[in-house]
Amino acid sequence: MRILNFLASAFIFLASINSLWAQDVSSRTIEDGGTGKYPALMLTEASLPTHTVFRPKDISAFSKKNKLPIIAWGNGACYNSPWEHVNFLNEVASHGFLVVAIGVMPKESGEQVKDRSQSAQLTAAIDWAIAQNKDRNSPYYNKIDVSKIAVSGMSCGGLQTLEVAGDPRITTTVVCNSGIFTNPAASRMPGMPQLSKEQLKKIHTPTLYLLGGPSDIAYNNGMDDFKQINHVPVFVGNMDVGHGGTYSQPHGGEFARVATAWYKWQLKADKEAGKMFTGNPAGLAQSAGWTVEKKNMP
């Protein structure tokens, strides 16, 4: 009997360890969950194993009256994992957003996934979120605001963002450390979208560019985009931190602070957050280290 009891206890212990291991693989808390009202979680959803989701841990706070806007995200270097951006994306999610990033969830060591991503994965992220909102069996049922959708990305992900920016479902566009090459042939990276400046005409939403200043290799391309976009509201913020931005800094650093304010303004109609981008000078211009320009905006 003692042997049977021992074996039973051992089985229960091993089962609990396996359960914890499975949870660790499928979800993880980044830093302290973020500084927003809704501490966030990074996870893989079984219904979308090709992407990584960042969202408030407790989604019971969201309903028809308080919905989660959608943010689709493309990664730098066309990586098929958001391993470089987890602090940034988690911080944004903690303010009440459903962030769906291209690629598999990074391991704790943060090593890169060498597979290349595709622009179509941004569209797939949006498709999935809309479907989840309709699915009565989904924990996201009637909790997602399918009328408020951002498409966003950094570097290669910014080009992927621009490639799909014409999607009529999109309500705002955010391009980080990126811009269409003045000479598309200058890009040699496998999988990087080869876009012409004509693509900018397909943008139909308010658009934010966040660039790393003159030391950012994408600076000239991004600033040229800004100069050529005259048909929609567009704002460009520069902080001289180079191409790597501040994504890996605690809570995503300044880029996360600014991007979150933009998402709040555009996707949640938060006028207080919008003050960072409105006025002459715009609120962000009064923050140390930032230079800004804007068009077609109050």
Protein backbone atom coordinates (compact mmCIF):
# COMPACT_ATOMS: atom_id res chain seq x y z
CA MET A 1 0.00 0.00 0.00
CA ARG A 2 2.83 2.39 0.86
CA ILE A 3 4.39 1.74 -2.55
CA LEU A 4 1.06 2.46 -4.29
CA ASN A 5 0.63 5.69 -2.31
CA PHE A 6 4.19 6.73 -3.17
CA LEU A 7 3.64 6.02 -6.86
CA ALA A 8 0.36 7.94 -6.81
CA SER A 9 2.00 10.95 -5.15
CA ALA A 10 4.87 10.82 -7.63
CA PHE A 11 2.43 10.71 -10.53
CA ILE A 12 0.53 13.75 -9.20
CA PHE A 13 3.81 15.63 -8.71
CA LEU A 14 5.02 14.87 -12.22
CA ALA A 15 1.64 15.81 -13.67
CA SER A 16 1.76 19.16 -11.90
CA ILE A 17 5.29 19.81 -13.18
CA ASN A 18 4.22 18.93 -16.71
CA SER A 19 1.25 21.26 -16.37
CA LEU A 20 3.45 24.13 -15.25
CA TRP A 21 5.91 23.40 -18.05
CA ALA A 22 3.10 23.50 -20.61
CA GLN A 23 1.90 26.83 -19.24
CA ASP A 24 5.41 28.26 -19.40
CA VAL A 25 5.68 27.23 -23.04
CA SER A 26 2.32 28.71 -24.08
CA SER A 27 2.36 31.94 -22.07
CA ARG A 28 4.68 34.22 -20.16
CA THR A 29 4.59 37.49 -18.25
CA ILE A 30 6.98 40.10 -19.64
CA GLU A 31 8.71 42.31 -17.06
CA ASP A 32 6.00 43.25 -14.53
CA GLY A 33 3.15 43.02 -17.00
CA GLY A 34 3.44 46.65 -18.13
CA THR A 35 2.56 50.02 -16.65
CA GLY A 36 -0.98 50.19 -18.01
CA LYS A 37 -4.28 49.60 -16.22
CA TYR A 38 -4.41 46.00 -17.43
CA PRO A 39 -1.29 43.90 -16.65
CA ALA A 40 -0.52 42.00 -19.82
CA LEU A 41 0.50 38.51 -20.88
CA MET A 42 2.39 37.14 -23.88
CA LEU A 43 0.95 33.91 -25.21
CA THR A 44 0.44 31.54 -28.08
CA GLU A 45 -3.17 30.88 -29.00
CA ALA A 46 -3.89 27.35 -30.20
CA SER A 47 -6.10 28.78 -32.93
CA LEU A 48 -3.21 30.94 -34.23
CA PRO A 49 0.10 29.12 -33.62
CA THR A 50 1.82 31.18 -36.34
CA HIS A 51 1.56 34.38 -34.27
CA THR A 52 2.22 35.72 -30.78
CA VAL A 53 -0.52 37.49 -28.84
CA PHE A 54 -0.04 40.19 -26.22
CA ARG A 55 -3.16 41.10 -24.27
CA PRO A 56 -4.43 41.88 -20.78
CA LYS A 57 -4.19 38.80 -18.55
CA ASP A 58 -7.72 39.31 -17.25
CA ILE A 59 -10.01 39.87 -20.20
CA SER A 60 -13.14 39.69 -18.06
CA ALA A 61 -12.89 43.49 -17.82
CA PHE A 62 -13.69 43.72 -21.54
CA SER A 63 -17.16 43.53 -23.03
CA LYS A 64 -19.38 45.18 -25.63
CA LYS A 65 -18.99 48.44 -23.70
CA ASN A 66 -15.21 48.18 -23.26
CA LYS A 67 -13.65 46.42 -26.22
CA LEU A 68 -10.09 45.57 -27.17
CA PRO A 69 -8.89 47.36 -30.33
CA ILE A 70 -6.70 45.27 -32.63
CA ILE A 71 -3.03 45.99 -33.34
CA ALA A 72 -1.26 43.80 -35.93
CA TRP A 73 2.55 43.95 -35.71
CA GLY A 74 5.39 43.10 -38.11
CA ASN A 75 8.93 42.49 -36.83
CA GLY A 76 12.29 43.96 -37.73
CA ALA A 77 14.56 42.08 -40.16
CA CYS A 78 11.51 40.12 -41.40
CA TYR A 79 11.95 37.83 -38.38
CA ASN A 80 9.17 35.32 -37.86
CA SER A 81 9.13 36.03 -34.12
CA PRO A 82 8.70 39.27 -32.12
CA TRP A 83 11.69 38.47 -29.89
CA GLU A 84 13.16 41.98 -30.28
CA HIS A 85 9.95 43.76 -29.36
CA VAL A 86 8.41 41.94 -26.41
CA ASN A 87 8.85 44.78 -23.88
CA PHE A 88 7.36 47.28 -26.32
CA LEU A 89 4.41 45.12 -27.38
CA ASN A 90 3.59 43.98 -23.88
CA GLU A 91 3.59 47.58 -22.64
CA VAL A 92 1.16 48.60 -25.36
CA ALA A 93 -1.13 45.66 -24.56
CA SER A 94 -1.23 46.61 -20.88
CA HIS A 95 -3.17 49.73 -21.84
CA GLY A 96 -6.07 47.67 -23.12
CA PHE A 97 -5.17 46.45 -26.59
CA LEU A 98 -5.09 43.09 -28.36
CA VAL A 99 -1.68 42.96 -30.06
CA VAL A 100 -1.19 40.16 -32.59
CA ALA A 101 2.44 39.94 -33.70
CA ILE A 102 3.78 38.00 -36.64
CA GLY A 103 5.64 34.81 -35.72
CA VAL A 104 6.09 32.25 -32.98
CA MET A 105 6.43 33.24 -29.35
CA PRO A 106 10.08 33.81 -28.44
CA LYS A 107 11.75 31.71 -25.79
CA GLU A 108 12.96 33.29 -22.57
CA SER A 109 16.49 33.40 -23.91
CA GLY A 110 15.14 35.61 -26.67
CA GLU A 111 16.99 33.90 -29.49
CA GLN A 112 15.87 34.86 -32.95
CA VAL A 113 13.87 32.67 -35.29
CA LYS A 114 15.60 32.62 -38.65
CA ASP A 115 12.50 31.99 -40.73
CA ARG A 116 11.36 35.02 -42.73
CA SER A 117 7.91 36.50 -42.33
CA GLN A 118 5.48 37.70 -44.98
CA SER A 119 3.21 40.75 -45.19
CA ALA A 120 0.20 38.45 -45.51
CA GLN A 121 0.71 37.46 -41.88
CA LEU A 122 -0.44 40.94 -40.85
CA THR A 123 -3.69 40.39 -42.70
CA ALA A 124 -3.95 36.93 -41.13
CA ALA A 125 -3.64 38.50 -37.67
CA ILE A 126 -6.57 40.81 -38.41
CA ASP A 127 -8.64 37.98 -39.89
CA TRP A 128 -8.07 35.86 -36.78
CA ALA A 129 -9.04 38.61 -34.35
CA ILE A 130 -12.25 39.37 -36.24
CA ALA A 131 -13.15 35.67 -36.32
CA GLN A 132 -12.47 35.32 -32.58
CA ASN A 133 -14.85 38.17 -31.84
CA LYS A 134 -17.63 36.30 -33.67
CA ASP A 135 -16.91 32.88 -32.16
CA ARG A 136 -19.20 32.11 -29.22
CA ASN A 137 -16.68 29.53 -28.01
CA SER A 138 -13.82 32.00 -27.95
CA PRO A 139 -12.73 33.82 -24.79
CA TYR A 140 -12.61 36.93 -27.01
CA TYR A 141 -16.28 36.66 -28.03
CA ASN A 142 -17.78 40.17 -28.25
CA LYS A 143 -14.69 41.64 -26.54
CA ILE A 144 -12.81 42.91 -29.62
CA ASP A 145 -13.46 46.20 -31.38
CA VAL A 146 -13.31 45.12 -35.02
CA SER A 147 -13.96 48.70 -36.12
CA LYS A 148 -10.66 49.88 -34.60
CA ILE A 149 -7.65 48.21 -36.23
CA ALA A 150 -4.02 49.34 -36.41
CA VAL A 151 -1.39 47.84 -38.66
CA SER A 152 2.14 48.47 -37.44
CA GLY A 153 5.71 47.29 -37.76
CA MET A 154 9.40 48.05 -37.39
CA SER A 155 12.03 48.12 -40.18
CA CYS A 156 11.06 45.24 -42.51
CA GLY A 157 7.83 45.06 -40.54
CA GLY A 158 7.26 48.70 -41.38
CA LEU A 159 7.50 47.89 -45.09
CA GLN A 160 5.12 44.97 -44.56
CA THR A 161 2.80 47.44 -42.85
CA LEU A 162 2.92 49.76 -45.84
CA GLU A 163 2.32 46.85 -48.20
CA VAL A 164 -1.05 46.05 -46.55
CA ALA A 165 -1.99 49.60 -45.53
CA GLY A 166 -4.62 49.78 -48.26
CA ASP A 167 -6.79 47.20 -46.47
CA PRO A 168 -10.11 49.04 -45.92
CA ARG A 169 -10.52 47.55 -42.44
CA ILE A 170 -7.48 49.41 -41.12
CA THR A 171 -8.14 52.61 -39.15
CA THR A 172 -4.58 53.74 -38.42
CA THR A 173 -1.05 52.95 -39.61
CA VAL A 174 2.17 53.04 -37.58
CA VAL A 175 5.56 52.75 -39.30
CA CYS A 176 8.60 52.43 -37.03
CA ASN A 177 12.26 52.82 -38.11
CA SER A 178 11.23 52.27 -41.68
CA GLY A 179 10.23 53.81 -44.98
CA ILE A 180 10.03 52.84 -48.60
CA PHE A 181 13.45 52.85 -50.25
CA THR A 182 13.98 55.72 -52.62
CA ASN A 183 15.72 53.05 -54.69
CA PRO A 184 13.86 49.76 -54.05
CA ALA A 185 16.76 47.77 -55.51
CA ALA A 186 18.87 48.94 -52.57
CA SER A 187 17.20 46.31 -50.39
CA ARG A 188 18.85 42.91 -50.56
CA MET A 189 17.28 41.26 -47.52
CA PRO A 190 15.38 38.07 -48.39
CA GLY A 191 11.65 38.50 -48.02
CA MET A 192 11.71 42.29 -47.66
CA PRO A 193 8.85 43.87 -49.63
CA GLN A 194 10.03 45.63 -52.76
CA LEU A 195 7.76 48.67 -52.78
CA SER A 196 7.75 51.85 -54.82
CA LYS A 197 6.71 55.22 -53.48
CA GLU A 198 3.43 54.76 -55.37
CA GLN A 199 2.44 52.45 -52.52
CA LEU A 200 2.08 55.47 -50.24
CA LYS A 201 -1.03 56.53 -52.18
CA LYS A 202 -2.83 53.46 -50.84
CA ILE A 203 -2.64 54.71 -47.26
CA HIS A 204 -6.11 55.88 -46.25
CA THR A 205 -5.74 56.40 -42.51
CA PRO A 206 -3.98 58.72 -40.04
CA THR A 207 -0.36 57.60 -40.02
CA LEU A 208 2.47 57.79 -37.50
CA TYR A 209 6.16 57.42 -38.32
CA LEU A 210 8.60 56.85 -35.45
CA LEU A 211 12.23 57.15 -36.53
CA GLY A 212 15.59 56.95 -34.77
CA GLY A 213 16.97 60.24 -36.07
CA PRO A 214 19.76 60.76 -38.64
CA SER A 215 21.69 57.78 -37.26
CA ASP A 216 18.78 55.48 -38.17
CA ILE A 217 19.51 53.72 -41.47
CA ALA A 218 15.82 54.12 -42.32
CA TYR A 219 15.78 57.86 -41.54
CA ASN A 220 16.07 59.18 -45.10
CA ASN A 221 13.53 56.68 -46.42
CA GLY A 222 11.03 57.46 -43.67
CA MET A 223 11.42 61.22 -43.97
CA ASP A 224 10.97 60.96 -47.74
CA ASP A 225 7.74 59.03 -47.14
CA PHE A 226 6.56 61.81 -44.85
CA LYS A 227 7.29 64.43 -47.51
CA GLN A 228 5.33 62.49 -50.12
CA ILE A 229 2.26 61.75 -48.00
CA ASN A 230 -0.12 64.67 -48.46
CA HIS A 231 -3.56 63.05 -48.61
CA VAL A 232 -3.98 61.81 -45.00
CA PRO A 233 -3.01 63.10 -41.55
CA VAL A 234 0.62 62.14 -40.93
CA PHE A 235 2.96 62.71 -38.00
CA VAL A 236 6.66 61.92 -37.75
CA GLY A 237 8.58 61.79 -34.49
CA ASN A 238 12.37 61.46 -34.36
CA MET A 239 14.53 60.54 -31.40
CA ASP A 240 18.23 60.13 -32.11
CA VAL A 241 18.57 56.56 -30.87
CA GLY A 242 19.41 54.87 -34.16
CA HIS A 243 17.70 52.05 -35.99
CA GLY A 244 17.21 49.90 -32.89
CA GLY A 245 14.80 52.34 -31.28
CA THR A 246 13.97 51.82 -27.61
CA TYR A 247 11.98 48.58 -27.91
CA SER A 248 14.19 46.53 -25.60
CA GLN A 249 14.34 49.17 -22.87
CA PRO A 250 12.16 48.70 -19.77
CA HIS A 251 8.52 48.90 -20.84
CA GLY A 252 9.66 49.64 -24.39
CA GLY A 253 11.11 53.05 -23.55
CA GLU A 254 10.09 56.25 -25.29
CA PHE A 255 8.90 54.55 -28.46
CA ALA A 256 6.34 52.59 -26.45
CA ARG A 257 5.17 55.73 -24.63
CA VAL A 258 4.60 57.58 -27.89
CA ALA A 259 3.10 54.66 -29.82
CA THR A 260 0.73 53.87 -26.95
CA ALA A 261 -0.50 57.47 -26.89
CA TRP A 262 -1.13 57.29 -30.63
CA TYR A 263 -3.05 54.01 -30.31
CA LYS A 264 -5.11 55.45 -27.45
CA TRP A 265 -5.96 58.50 -29.52
CA GLN A 266 -6.70 56.74 -32.77
CA LEU A 267 -8.29 53.53 -31.46
CA LYS A 268 -9.89 54.64 -28.19
CA ALA A 269 -10.69 58.30 -28.98
CA ASP A 270 -8.59 59.38 -25.98
CA LYS A 271 -8.30 63.15 -26.45
CA GLU A 272 -5.84 63.52 -23.60
CA ALA A 273 -3.47 61.07 -25.30
CA GLY A 274 -4.01 62.94 -28.55
CA LYS A 275 -2.50 66.10 -27.08
CA MET A 276 0.91 64.52 -27.69
CA PHE A 277 0.30 64.97 -31.43
CA THR A 278 -1.96 68.02 -31.66
CA GLY A 279 -1.33 71.72 -31.16
CA ASN A 280 1.41 74.01 -32.36
CA PRO A 281 3.84 72.91 -31.21
CA ALA A 282 2.60 69.36 -30.68
CA GLY A 283 2.91 67.99 -27.17
CA LEU A 284 5.67 65.57 -28.13
CA ALA A 285 7.83 68.45 -29.32
CA GLN A 286 8.07 69.52 -25.68
CA SER A 287 9.50 66.15 -24.60
CA ALA A 288 13.28 65.99 -24.28
CA GLY A 289 15.02 64.40 -27.26
CA TRP A 290 12.13 64.50 -29.71
CA THR A 291 11.73 66.48 -32.91
CA VAL A 292 8.44 66.34 -34.77
CA GLU A 293 6.70 67.32 -37.98
CA LYS A 294 3.10 66.86 -39.03
CA LYS A 295 0.63 67.47 -41.86
CA ASN A 296 -3.17 67.66 -42.10
CA MET A 297 -3.46 67.56 -38.31
CA PRO A 298 -4.74 70.08 -35.76
